[in-house]
PDB file of N, CA and C in Angstrom:
ATOM      1  N   MET A   1      14.227   9.111  -6.718  1.00  0.00           N
ATOM      2  CA  MET A   1      13.806   9.073  -5.331  1.00  0.00           C
ATOM      3  C   MET A   1      14.156   7.698  -4.753  1.00  0.00           C
ATOM      4  N   GLN A   2      14.733   7.691  -3.592  1.00  0.00           N
ATOM      5  CA  GLN A   2      15.092   6.453  -2.904  1.00  0.00           C
ATOM      6  C   GLN A   2      13.834   5.739  -2.413  1.00  0.00           C
ATOM      7  N   ALA A   3      13.937   4.438  -2.231  1.00  0.00           N
ATOM      8  CA  ALA A   3      12.798   3.627  -1.785  1.00  0.00           C
ATOM      9  C   ALA A   3      12.238   4.130  -0.457  1.00  0.00           C
ATOM     10  N   GLU A   4      13.108   4.506   0.466  1.00  0.00           N
ATOM     11  CA  GLU A   4      12.667   4.961   1.779  1.00  0.00           C
ATOM     12  C   GLU A   4      11.919   6.289   1.688  1.00  0.00           C
ATOM     13  N   GLN A   5      12.352   7.163   0.784  1.00  0.00           N
ATOM     14  CA  GLN A   5      11.659   8.436   0.586  1.00  0.00           C
ATOM     15  C   GLN A   5      10.269   8.205  -0.008  1.00  0.00           C
ATOM     16  N   LEU A   6      10.185   7.312  -0.965  1.00  0.00           N
ATOM     17  CA  LEU A   6       8.905   6.963  -1.573  1.00  0.00           C
ATOM     18  C   LEU A   6       7.977   6.342  -0.529  1.00  0.00           C
ATOM     19  N   LEU A   7       8.523   5.470   0.287  1.00  0.00           N
ATOM     20  CA  LEU A   7       7.746   4.838   1.350  1.00  0.00           C
ATOM     21  C   LEU A   7       7.171   5.884   2.297  1.00  0.00           C
ATOM     22  N   LYS A   8       7.985   6.833   2.718  1.00  0.00           N
ATOM     23  CA  LYS A   8       7.524   7.891   3.622  1.00  0.00           C
ATOM     24  C   LYS A   8       6.438   8.727   2.971  1.00  0.00           C
ATOM     25  N   LEU A   9       6.605   9.051   1.701  1.00  0.00           N
ATOM     26  CA  LEU A   9       5.602   9.829   0.972  1.00  0.00           C
ATOM     27  C   LEU A   9       4.254   9.088   0.967  1.00  0.00           C
ATOM     28  N   VAL A  10       4.284   7.784   0.689  1.00  0.00           N
ATOM     29  CA  VAL A  10       3.062   6.967   0.663  1.00  0.00           C
ATOM     30  C   VAL A  10       2.427   6.917   2.050  1.00  0.00           C
ATOM     31  N   GLU A  11       3.230   6.617   3.069  1.00  0.00           N
ATOM     32  CA  GLU A  11       2.707   6.529   4.433  1.00  0.00           C
ATOM     33  C   GLU A  11       2.112   7.861   4.892  1.00  0.00           C
ATOM     34  N   ASP A  12       2.791   8.962   4.616  1.00  0.00           N
ATOM     35  CA  ASP A  12       2.301  10.281   5.013  1.00  0.00           C
ATOM     36  C   ASP A  12       0.969  10.600   4.345  1.00  0.00           C
ATOM     37  N   GLU A  13       0.855  10.299   3.062  1.00  0.00           N
ATOM     38  CA  GLU A  13      -0.389  10.582   2.335  1.00  0.00           C
ATOM     39  C   GLU A  13      -1.534   9.722   2.874  1.00  0.00           C
ATOM     40  N   LEU A  14      -1.274   8.462   3.156  1.00  0.00           N
ATOM     41  CA  LEU A  14      -2.313   7.590   3.709  1.00  0.00           C
ATOM     42  C   LEU A  14      -2.776   8.084   5.075  1.00  0.00           C
ATOM     43  N   ASN A  15      -1.833   8.499   5.904  1.00  0.00           N
ATOM     44  CA  ASN A  15      -2.198   9.012   7.228  1.00  0.00           C
ATOM     45  C   ASN A  15      -2.994  10.305   7.122  1.00  0.00           C
ATOM     46  N   GLU A  16      -2.601  11.173   6.202  1.00  0.00           N
ATOM     47  CA  GLU A  16      -3.312  12.439   6.008  1.00  0.00           C
ATOM     48  C   GLU A  16      -4.735  12.213   5.511  1.00  0.00           C
ATOM     49  N   ARG A  17      -4.930  11.168   4.718  1.00  0.00           N
ATOM     50  CA  ARG A  17      -6.242  10.886   4.107  1.00  0.00           C
ATOM     51  C   ARG A  17      -7.070   9.900   4.925  1.00  0.00           C
ATOM     52  N   LYS A  18      -6.651   9.654   6.160  1.00  0.00           N
ATOM     53  CA  LYS A  18      -7.413   8.863   7.123  1.00  0.00           C
ATOM     54  C   LYS A  18      -7.555   7.377   6.771  1.00  0.00           C
ATOM     55  N   ALA A  19      -6.484   6.805   6.257  1.00  0.00           N
ATOM     56  CA  ALA A  19      -6.443   5.352   6.084  1.00  0.00           C
ATOM     57  C   ALA A  19      -6.335   4.721   7.469  1.00  0.00           C
ATOM     58  N   HIS A  20      -6.862   3.532   7.618  1.00  0.00           N
ATOM     59  CA  HIS A  20      -6.826   2.833   8.895  1.00  0.00           C
ATOM     60  C   HIS A  20      -5.793   1.713   8.846  1.00  0.00           C
ATOM     61  N   GLN A  21      -5.241   1.373   9.996  1.00  0.00           N
ATOM     62  CA  GLN A  21      -4.347   0.225  10.171  1.00  0.00           C
ATOM     63  C   GLN A  21      -3.282   0.133   9.068  1.00  0.00           C
ATOM     64  N   VAL A  22      -2.521   1.185   8.909  1.00  0.00           N
ATOM     65  CA  VAL A  22      -1.456   1.204   7.899  1.00  0.00           C
ATOM     66  C   VAL A  22      -0.283   0.368   8.411  1.00  0.00           C
ATOM     67  N   SER A  23       0.085  -0.653   7.638  1.00  0.00           N
ATOM     68  CA  SER A  23       1.214  -1.517   7.980  1.00  0.00           C
ATOM     69  C   SER A  23       2.218  -1.501   6.845  1.00  0.00           C
ATOM     70  N   THR A  24       3.482  -1.558   7.210  1.00  0.00           N
ATOM     71  CA  THR A  24       4.549  -1.607   6.211  1.00  0.00           C
ATOM     72  C   THR A  24       5.317  -2.901   6.384  1.00  0.00           C
ATOM     73  N   LEU A  25       5.463  -3.630   5.292  1.00  0.00           N
ATOM     74  CA  LEU A  25       6.227  -4.869   5.297  1.00  0.00           C
ATOM     75  C   LEU A  25       7.503  -4.665   4.502  1.00  0.00           C
ATOM     76  N   ASP A  26       8.628  -4.928   5.122  1.00  0.00           N
ATOM     77  CA  ASP A  26       9.921  -4.878   4.441  1.00  0.00           C
ATOM     78  C   ASP A  26      10.123  -6.252   3.811  1.00  0.00           C
ATOM     79  N   VAL A  27       9.990  -6.334   2.499  1.00  0.00           N
ATOM     80  CA  VAL A  27      10.075  -7.627   1.812  1.00  0.00           C
ATOM     81  C   VAL A  27      11.378  -7.789   1.031  1.00  0.00           C
ATOM     82  N   ARG A  28      12.347  -6.908   1.319  1.00  0.00           N
ATOM     83  CA  ARG A  28      13.657  -7.089   0.709  1.00  0.00           C
ATOM     84  C   ARG A  28      14.212  -8.414   1.192  1.00  0.00           C
ATOM     85  N   GLY A  29      14.753  -9.196   0.320  1.00  0.00           N
ATOM     86  CA  GLY A  29      15.266 -10.498   0.695  1.00  0.00           C
ATOM     87  C   GLY A  29      14.223 -11.600   0.611  1.00  0.00           C
ATOM     88  N   LYS A  30      12.954 -11.231   0.461  1.00  0.00           N
ATOM     89  CA  LYS A  30      11.890 -12.220   0.309  1.00  0.00           C
ATOM     90  C   LYS A  30      11.382 -12.277  -1.128  1.00  0.00           C
ATOM     91  N   THR A  31      11.534 -11.175  -1.833  1.00  0.00           N
ATOM     92  CA  THR A  31      11.090 -11.095  -3.221  1.00  0.00           C
ATOM     93  C   THR A  31      11.923 -10.051  -3.952  1.00  0.00           C
ATOM     94  N   SER A  32      12.049 -10.236  -5.248  1.00  0.00           N
ATOM     95  CA  SER A  32      12.766  -9.242  -6.052  1.00  0.00           C
ATOM     96  C   SER A  32      11.793  -8.274  -6.718  1.00  0.00           C
ATOM     97  N   ILE A  33      10.516  -8.433  -6.463  1.00  0.00           N
ATOM     98  CA  ILE A  33       9.478  -7.612  -7.093  1.00  0.00           C
ATOM     99  C   ILE A  33       9.491  -6.183  -6.547  1.00  0.00           C
ATOM    100  N   THR A  34       9.664  -6.039  -5.247  1.00  0.00           N
ATOM    101  CA  THR A  34       9.589  -4.734  -4.598  1.00  0.00           C
ATOM    102  C   THR A  34      10.391  -4.762  -3.309  1.00  0.00           C
ATOM    103  N   ASP A  35      10.609  -3.591  -2.719  1.00  0.00           N
ATOM    104  CA  ASP A  35      11.290  -3.505  -1.431  1.00  0.00           C
ATOM    105  C   ASP A  35      10.312  -3.472  -0.260  1.00  0.00           C
ATOM    106  N   TYR A  36       9.200  -2.748  -0.449  1.00  0.00           N
ATOM    107  CA  TYR A  36       8.229  -2.568   0.630  1.00  0.00           C
ATOM    108  C   TYR A  36       6.810  -2.786   0.120  1.00  0.00           C
ATOM    109  N   MET A  37       5.989  -3.357   0.976  1.00  0.00           N
ATOM    110  CA  MET A  37       4.559  -3.435   0.738  1.00  0.00           C
ATOM    111  C   MET A  37       3.881  -2.644   1.839  1.00  0.00           C
ATOM    112  N   VAL A  38       2.988  -1.774   1.439  1.00  0.00           N
ATOM    113  CA  VAL A  38       2.201  -1.006   2.394  1.00  0.00           C
ATOM    114  C   VAL A  38       0.768  -1.502   2.275  1.00  0.00           C
ATOM    115  N   ILE A  39       0.187  -1.835   3.406  1.00  0.00           N
ATOM    116  CA  ILE A  39      -1.182  -2.338   3.444  1.00  0.00           C
ATOM    117  C   ILE A  39      -1.993  -1.406   4.330  1.00  0.00           C
ATOM    118  N   ALA A  40      -3.136  -0.973   3.811  1.00  0.00           N
ATOM    119  CA  ALA A  40      -3.995  -0.062   4.559  1.00  0.00           C
ATOM    120  C   ALA A  40      -5.444  -0.498   4.418  1.00  0.00           C
ATOM    121  N   THR A  41      -6.233  -0.167   5.424  1.00  0.00           N
ATOM    122  CA  THR A  41      -7.656  -0.465   5.401  1.00  0.00           C
ATOM    123  C   THR A  41      -8.430   0.805   5.101  1.00  0.00           C
ATOM    124  N   ALA A  42      -9.416   0.659   4.224  1.00  0.00           N
ATOM    125  CA  ALA A  42     -10.315   1.756   3.863  1.00  0.00           C
ATOM    126  C   ALA A  42     -11.693   1.468   4.449  1.00  0.00           C
ATOM    127  N   THR A  43     -12.470   2.505   4.655  1.00  0.00           N
ATOM    128  CA  THR A  43     -13.799   2.342   5.235  1.00  0.00           C
ATOM    129  C   THR A  43     -14.829   1.861   4.222  1.00  0.00           C
ATOM    130  N   SER A  44     -14.525   1.989   2.924  1.00  0.00           N
ATOM    131  CA  SER A  44     -15.447   1.568   1.867  1.00  0.00           C
ATOM    132  C   SER A  44     -14.658   1.413   0.566  1.00  0.00           C
ATOM    133  N   THR A  45     -15.307   0.881  -0.452  1.00  0.00           N
ATOM    134  CA  THR A  45     -14.640   0.747  -1.748  1.00  0.00           C
ATOM    135  C   THR A  45     -14.318   2.123  -2.329  1.00  0.00           C
ATOM    136  N   ARG A  46     -15.195   3.080  -2.121  1.00  0.00           N
ATOM    137  CA  ARG A  46     -14.955   4.444  -2.599  1.00  0.00           C
ATOM    138  C   ARG A  46     -13.745   5.062  -1.890  1.00  0.00           C
ATOM    139  N   HIS A  47     -13.643   4.834  -0.587  1.00  0.00           N
ATOM    140  CA  HIS A  47     -12.508   5.338   0.186  1.00  0.00           C
ATOM    141  C   HIS A  47     -11.208   4.696  -0.300  1.00  0.00           C
ATOM    142  N   ALA A  48     -11.251   3.388  -0.602  1.00  0.00           N
ATOM    143  CA  ALA A  48     -10.057   2.681  -1.099  1.00  0.00           C
ATOM    144  C   ALA A  48      -9.568   3.310  -2.396  1.00  0.00           C
ATOM    145  N   LYS A  49     -10.479   3.543  -3.324  1.00  0.00           N
ATOM    146  CA  LYS A  49     -10.098   4.157  -4.595  1.00  0.00           C
ATOM    147  C   LYS A  49      -9.555   5.569  -4.382  1.00  0.00           C
ATOM    148  N   SER A  50     -10.206   6.337  -3.532  1.00  0.00           N
ATOM    149  CA  SER A  50      -9.758   7.710  -3.253  1.00  0.00           C
ATOM    150  C   SER A  50      -8.367   7.735  -2.633  1.00  0.00           C
ATOM    151  N   LEU A  51      -8.114   6.856  -1.674  1.00  0.00           N
ATOM    152  CA  LEU A  51      -6.788   6.803  -1.059  1.00  0.00           C
ATOM    153  C   LEU A  51      -5.716   6.554  -2.109  1.00  0.00           C
ATOM    154  N   CYS A  52      -5.965   5.596  -2.986  1.00  0.00           N
ATOM    155  CA  CYS A  52      -4.989   5.277  -4.038  1.00  0.00           C
ATOM    156  C   CYS A  52      -4.831   6.425  -5.016  1.00  0.00           C
ATOM    157  N   ASP A  53      -5.938   7.063  -5.363  1.00  0.00           N
ATOM    158  CA  ASP A  53      -5.872   8.212  -6.280  1.00  0.00           C
ATOM    159  C   ASP A  53      -5.025   9.335  -5.690  1.00  0.00           C
ATOM    160  N   TYR A  54      -5.194   9.602  -4.394  1.00  0.00           N
ATOM    161  CA  TYR A  54      -4.399  10.646  -3.735  1.00  0.00           C
ATOM    162  C   TYR A  54      -2.918  10.286  -3.703  1.00  0.00           C
ATOM    163  N   VAL A  55      -2.615   9.027  -3.440  1.00  0.00           N
ATOM    164  CA  VAL A  55      -1.214   8.593  -3.428  1.00  0.00           C
ATOM    165  C   VAL A  55      -0.610   8.740  -4.824  1.00  0.00           C
ATOM    166  N   VAL A  56      -1.336   8.308  -5.842  1.00  0.00           N
ATOM    167  CA  VAL A  56      -0.847   8.423  -7.219  1.00  0.00           C
ATOM    168  C   VAL A  56      -0.615   9.889  -7.581  1.00  0.00           C
ATOM    169  N   GLU A  57      -1.543  10.750  -7.206  1.00  0.00           N
ATOM    170  CA  GLU A  57      -1.405  12.191  -7.475  1.00  0.00           C
ATOM    171  C   GLU A  57      -0.155  12.753  -6.812  1.00  0.00           C
ATOM    172  N   LYS A  58       0.077  12.375  -5.562  1.00  0.00           N
ATOM    173  CA  LYS A  58       1.247  12.857  -4.805  1.00  0.00           C
ATOM    174  C   LYS A  58       2.547  12.348  -5.428  1.00  0.00           C
ATOM    175  N   VAL A  59       2.558  11.084  -5.836  1.00  0.00           N
ATOM    176  CA  VAL A  59       3.742  10.492  -6.450  1.00  0.00           C
ATOM    177  C   VAL A  59       4.064  11.205  -7.767  1.00  0.00           C
ATOM    178  N   LYS A  60       3.048  11.448  -8.569  1.00  0.00           N
ATOM    179  CA  LYS A  60       3.245  12.148  -9.845  1.00  0.00           C
ATOM    180  C   LYS A  60       3.752  13.571  -9.616  1.00  0.00           C
ATOM    181  N   ALA A  61       3.233  14.226  -8.573  1.00  0.00           N
ATOM    182  CA  ALA A  61       3.679  15.587  -8.246  1.00  0.00           C
ATOM    183  C   ALA A  61       5.149  15.607  -7.851  1.00  0.00           C
ATOM    184  N   ASN A  62       5.680  14.465  -7.434  1.00  0.00           N
ATOM    185  CA  ASN A  62       7.092  14.351  -7.065  1.00  0.00           C
ATOM    186  C   ASN A  62       7.933  13.751  -8.185  1.00  0.00           C
ATOM    187  N   GLY A  63       7.380  13.736  -9.399  1.00  0.00           N
ATOM    188  CA  GLY A  63       8.152  13.354 -10.573  1.00  0.00           C
ATOM    189  C   GLY A  63       8.240  11.874 -10.877  1.00  0.00           C
ATOM    190  N   LEU A  64       7.434  11.070 -10.205  1.00  0.00           N
ATOM    191  CA  LEU A  64       7.447   9.628 -10.460  1.00  0.00           C
ATOM    192  C   LEU A  64       6.166   9.198 -11.159  1.00  0.00           C
ATOM    193  N   GLN A  65       6.267   8.140 -11.922  1.00  0.00           N
ATOM    194  CA  GLN A  65       5.111   7.597 -12.628  1.00  0.00           C
ATOM    195  C   GLN A  65       4.819   6.197 -12.078  1.00  0.00           C
ATOM    196  N   PRO A  66       3.597   5.951 -11.582  1.00  0.00           N
ATOM    197  CA  PRO A  66       3.257   4.606 -11.119  1.00  0.00           C
ATOM    198  C   PRO A  66       3.369   3.599 -12.259  1.00  0.00           C
ATOM    199  N   LEU A  67       3.743   2.373 -11.936  1.00  0.00           N
ATOM    200  CA  LEU A  67       3.871   1.332 -12.948  1.00  0.00           C
ATOM    201  C   LEU A  67       2.527   0.712 -13.292  1.00  0.00           C
ATOM    202  N   GLY A  68       1.581   0.776 -12.358  1.00  0.00           N
ATOM    203  CA  GLY A  68       0.270   0.219 -12.624  1.00  0.00           C
ATOM    204  C   GLY A  68      -0.659   0.367 -11.448  1.00  0.00           C
ATOM    205  N   GLN A  69      -1.954   0.206 -11.749  1.00  0.00           N
ATOM    206  CA  GLN A  69      -2.984   0.273 -10.719  1.00  0.00           C
ATOM    207  C   GLN A  69      -4.057  -0.739 -11.091  1.00  0.00           C
ATOM    208  N   GLU A  70      -4.475  -1.534 -10.119  1.00  0.00           N
ATOM    209  CA  GLU A  70      -5.461  -2.584 -10.358  1.00  0.00           C
ATOM    210  C   GLU A  70      -6.595  -2.499  -9.351  1.00  0.00           C
ATOM    211  N   GLY A  71      -7.782  -2.925  -9.778  1.00  0.00           N
ATOM    212  CA  GLY A  71      -8.916  -3.053  -8.867  1.00  0.00           C
ATOM    213  C   GLY A  71      -9.611  -1.759  -8.540  1.00  0.00           C
ATOM    214  N   GLU A  72      -9.806  -0.922  -9.504  1.00  0.00           N
ATOM    215  CA  GLU A  72     -10.369   0.392  -9.217  1.00  0.00           C
ATOM    216  C   GLU A  72     -11.881   0.382  -8.965  1.00  0.00           C
ATOM    217  N   GLY A  73     -12.698   0.362  -9.965  1.00  0.00           N
ATOM    218  CA  GLY A  73     -14.133   0.602  -9.857  1.00  0.00           C
ATOM    219  C   GLY A  73     -14.893  -0.300  -8.903  1.00  0.00           C
ATOM    220  N   GLY A  74     -15.081   0.118  -7.672  1.00  0.00           N
ATOM    221  CA  GLY A  74     -15.887  -0.611  -6.706  1.00  0.00           C
ATOM    222  C   GLY A  74     -15.258  -1.865  -6.142  1.00  0.00           C
ATOM    223  N   SER A  75     -13.971  -1.981  -6.215  1.00  0.00           N
ATOM    224  CA  SER A  75     -13.280  -3.180  -5.744  1.00  0.00           C
ATOM    225  C   SER A  75     -12.959  -3.082  -4.255  1.00  0.00           C
ATOM    226  N   ASP A  76     -12.964  -4.227  -3.586  1.00  0.00           N
ATOM    227  CA  ASP A  76     -12.592  -4.306  -2.170  1.00  0.00           C
ATOM    228  C   ASP A  76     -11.087  -4.204  -1.958  1.00  0.00           C
ATOM    229  N   TRP A  77     -10.318  -4.300  -3.049  1.00  0.00           N
ATOM    230  CA  TRP A  77      -8.856  -4.324  -2.963  1.00  0.00           C
ATOM    231  C   TRP A  77      -8.298  -3.547  -4.147  1.00  0.00           C
ATOM    232  N   VAL A  78      -7.596  -2.466  -3.856  1.00  0.00           N
ATOM    233  CA  VAL A  78      -6.954  -1.664  -4.896  1.00  0.00           C
ATOM    234  C   VAL A  78      -5.452  -1.740  -4.673  1.00  0.00           C
ATOM    235  N   LEU A  79      -4.717  -2.013  -5.739  1.00  0.00           N
ATOM    236  CA  LEU A  79      -3.266  -2.159  -5.670  1.00  0.00           C
ATOM    237  C   LEU A  79      -2.630  -1.094  -6.557  1.00  0.00           C
ATOM    238  N   VAL A  80      -1.600  -0.435  -6.029  1.00  0.00           N
ATOM    239  CA  VAL A  80      -0.826   0.531  -6.809  1.00  0.00           C
ATOM    240  C   VAL A  80       0.630   0.088  -6.778  1.00  0.00           C
ATOM    241  N   ASP A  81       1.191  -0.152  -7.958  1.00  0.00           N
ATOM    242  CA  ASP A  81       2.587  -0.571  -8.088  1.00  0.00           C
ATOM    243  C   ASP A  81       3.424   0.665  -8.357  1.00  0.00           C
ATOM    244  N   LEU A  82       4.259   1.009  -7.389  1.00  0.00           N
ATOM    245  CA  LEU A  82       5.144   2.168  -7.510  1.00  0.00           C
ATOM    246  C   LEU A  82       6.599   1.745  -7.677  1.00  0.00           C
ATOM    247  N   GLY A  83       6.810   0.484  -8.003  1.00  0.00           N
ATOM    248  CA  GLY A  83       8.165  -0.028  -8.167  1.00  0.00           C
ATOM    249  C   GLY A  83       8.735  -0.499  -6.852  1.00  0.00           C
ATOM    250  N   ASP A  84       9.447   0.377  -6.159  1.00  0.00           N
ATOM    251  CA  ASP A  84      10.065   0.017  -4.880  1.00  0.00           C
ATOM    252  C   ASP A  84       9.046  -0.156  -3.760  1.00  0.00           C
ATOM    253  N   VAL A  85       7.843   0.366  -3.972  1.00  0.00           N
ATOM    254  CA  VAL A  85       6.760   0.259  -2.990  1.00  0.00           C
ATOM    255  C   VAL A  85       5.502  -0.208  -3.715  1.00  0.00           C
ATOM    256  N   VAL A  86       4.861  -1.227  -3.156  1.00  0.00           N
ATOM    257  CA  VAL A  86       3.567  -1.674  -3.673  1.00  0.00           C
ATOM    258  C   VAL A  86       2.540  -1.392  -2.578  1.00  0.00           C
ATOM    259  N   LEU A  87       1.500  -0.665  -2.963  1.00  0.00           N
ATOM    260  CA  LEU A  87       0.449  -0.269  -2.024  1.00  0.00           C
ATOM    261  C   LEU A  87      -0.783  -1.139  -2.224  1.00  0.00           C
ATOM    262  N   HIS A  88      -1.278  -1.702  -1.123  1.00  0.00           N
ATOM    263  CA  HIS A  88      -2.521  -2.462  -1.118  1.00  0.00           C
ATOM    264  C   HIS A  88      -3.496  -1.720  -0.208  1.00  0.00           C
ATOM    265  N   VAL A  89      -4.632  -1.291  -0.749  1.00  0.00           N
ATOM    266  CA  VAL A  89      -5.670  -0.676   0.072  1.00  0.00           C
ATOM    267  C   VAL A  89      -6.898  -1.569  -0.040  1.00  0.00           C
ATOM    268  N   MET A  90      -7.376  -2.020   1.117  1.00  0.00           N
ATOM    269  CA  MET A  90      -8.459  -3.004   1.152  1.00  0.00           C
ATOM    270  C   MET A  90      -9.542  -2.579   2.137  1.00  0.00           C
ATOM    271  N   THR A  91     -10.749  -3.065   1.891  1.00  0.00           N
ATOM    272  CA  THR A  91     -11.785  -2.910   2.905  1.00  0.00           C
ATOM    273  C   THR A  91     -11.431  -3.846   4.059  1.00  0.00           C
ATOM    274  N   GLY A  92     -12.024  -3.598   5.212  1.00  0.00           N
ATOM    275  CA  GLY A  92     -11.730  -4.430   6.377  1.00  0.00           C
ATOM    276  C   GLY A  92     -12.018  -5.905   6.137  1.00  0.00           C
ATOM    277  N   GLN A  93     -13.112  -6.184   5.456  1.00  0.00           N
ATOM    278  CA  GLN A  93     -13.497  -7.571   5.178  1.00  0.00           C
ATOM    279  C   GLN A  93     -12.472  -8.254   4.271  1.00  0.00           C
ATOM    280  N   ALA A  94     -12.027  -7.566   3.234  1.00  0.00           N
ATOM    281  CA  ALA A  94     -11.031  -8.143   2.318  1.00  0.00           C
ATOM    282  C   ALA A  94      -9.695  -8.335   3.034  1.00  0.00           C
ATOM    283  N   ARG A  95      -9.328  -7.374   3.854  1.00  0.00           N
ATOM    284  CA  ARG A  95      -8.045  -7.479   4.557  1.00  0.00           C
ATOM    285  C   ARG A  95      -8.045  -8.667   5.516  1.00  0.00           C
ATOM    286  N   GLU A  96      -9.158  -8.852   6.197  1.00  0.00           N
ATOM    287  CA  GLU A  96      -9.278  -9.987   7.101  1.00  0.00           C
ATOM    288  C   GLU A  96      -9.222 -11.310   6.332  1.00  0.00           C
ATOM    289  N   PHE A  97      -9.856 -11.359   5.188  1.00  0.00           N
ATOM    290  CA  PHE A  97      -9.911 -12.582   4.395  1.00  0.00           C
ATOM    291  C   PHE A  97      -8.538 -12.958   3.825  1.00  0.00           C
ATOM    292  N   TYR A  98      -7.832 -11.988   3.226  1.00  0.00           N
ATOM    293  CA  TYR A  98      -6.572 -12.298   2.544  1.00  0.00           C
ATOM    294  C   TYR A  98      -5.355 -12.338   3.470  1.00  0.00           C
ATOM    295  N   GLN A  99      -5.371 -11.612   4.572  1.00  0.00           N
ATOM    296  CA  GLN A  99      -4.306 -11.629   5.575  1.00  0.00           C
ATOM    297  C   GLN A  99      -2.893 -11.549   4.963  1.00  0.00           C
ATOM    298  N   LEU A 100      -2.650 -10.499   4.206  1.00  0.00           N
ATOM    299  CA  LEU A 100      -1.356 -10.352   3.533  1.00  0.00           C
ATOM    300  C   LEU A 100      -0.183 -10.289   4.501  1.00  0.00           C
ATOM    301  N   GLU A 101      -0.381  -9.657   5.652  1.00  0.00           N
ATOM    302  CA  GLU A 101       0.715  -9.585   6.626  1.00  0.00           C
ATOM    303  C   GLU A 101       1.151 -10.993   7.037  1.00  0.00           C
ATOM    304  N   LYS A 102       0.195 -11.849   7.256  1.00  0.00           N
ATOM    305  CA  LYS A 102       0.501 -13.222   7.658  1.00  0.00           C
ATOM    306  C   LYS A 102       1.191 -13.965   6.516  1.00  0.00           C
ATOM    307  N   LEU A 103       0.740 -13.733   5.305  1.00  0.00           N
ATOM    308  CA  LEU A 103       1.317 -14.395   4.135  1.00  0.00           C
ATOM    309  C   LEU A 103       2.790 -14.030   3.955  1.00  0.00           C
ATOM    310  N   TRP A 104       3.146 -12.759   4.185  1.00  0.00           N
ATOM    311  CA  TRP A 104       4.510 -12.283   3.943  1.00  0.00           C
ATOM    312  C   TRP A 104       5.403 -12.305   5.162  1.00  0.00           C
ATOM    313  N   SER A 105       4.860 -12.644   6.327  1.00  0.00           N
ATOM    314  CA  SER A 105       5.704 -12.650   7.527  1.00  0.00           C
ATOM    315  C   SER A 105       6.338 -14.021   7.729  1.00  0.00           C
ATOM    316  N   VAL A 106       7.411 -14.009   8.446  1.00  0.00           N
ATOM    317  CA  VAL A 106       8.127 -15.222   8.806  1.00  0.00           C
ATOM    318  C   VAL A 106       7.986 -15.372  10.312  1.00  0.00           C
ATOM    319  N   ALA A 107       7.903 -16.580  10.807  1.00  0.00           N
ATOM    320  CA  ALA A 107       7.744 -16.819  12.239  1.00  0.00           C
ATOM    321  C   ALA A 107       8.765 -16.015  13.039  1.00  0.00           C
ATOM    322  N   GLY A 108       8.282 -15.293  14.043  1.00  0.00           N
ATOM    323  CA  GLY A 108       9.157 -14.523  14.910  1.00  0.00           C
ATOM    324  C   GLY A 108       9.440 -13.111  14.415  1.00  0.00           C
ATOM    325  N   GLU A 109       9.033 -12.797  13.197  1.00  0.00           N
ATOM    326  CA  GLU A 109       9.288 -11.479  12.639  1.00  0.00           C
ATOM    327  C   GLU A 109       8.136 -10.549  12.993  1.00  0.00           C
ATOM    328  N   LYS A 110       8.437  -9.310  13.344  1.00  0.00           N
ATOM    329  CA  LYS A 110       7.423  -8.335  13.657  1.00  0.00           C
ATOM    330  C   LYS A 110       7.066  -7.530  12.425  1.00  0.00           C
ATOM    331  N   VAL A 111       5.788  -7.208  12.279  1.00  0.00           N
ATOM    332  CA  VAL A 111       5.303  -6.365  11.195  1.00  0.00           C
ATOM    333  C   VAL A 111       5.336  -4.929  11.689  1.00  0.00           C
ATOM    334  N   ALA A 112       5.954  -4.030  10.916  1.00  0.00           N
ATOM    335  CA  ALA A 112       6.022  -2.614  11.280  1.00  0.00           C
ATOM    336  C   ALA A 112       4.686  -1.957  11.007  1.00  0.00           C
ATOM    337  N   SER A 113       4.264  -1.077  11.893  1.00  0.00           N
ATOM    338  CA  SER A 113       3.016  -0.333  11.631  1.00  0.00           C
ATOM    339  C   SER A 113       3.131   1.072  12.138  1.00  0.00           C
TER     340      SER A 113
END
């Protein structure tokens, strides 16, 4: 599966499962770790875990295996490494505190959402 197809699958699943403020960062050329970072806000720690679980389930149903998942049980920040796409699902408070979009953006660059 191409990176863009995987990205669309992740974004579609997050939108279907009522994730808030879904942003996509194109980090090609900024890091060799991944091509895209998707950041979404969850309404609670339980919602964050559920969103990630649904994405992992959908990815597996499409023949891919996630490389890893961190921050599950009651965490404000859950990360799913899908290789070409890294998903960050955070509570609103954690997202405000860590400001990943600001960390990965360059002056004058727009963040896709």
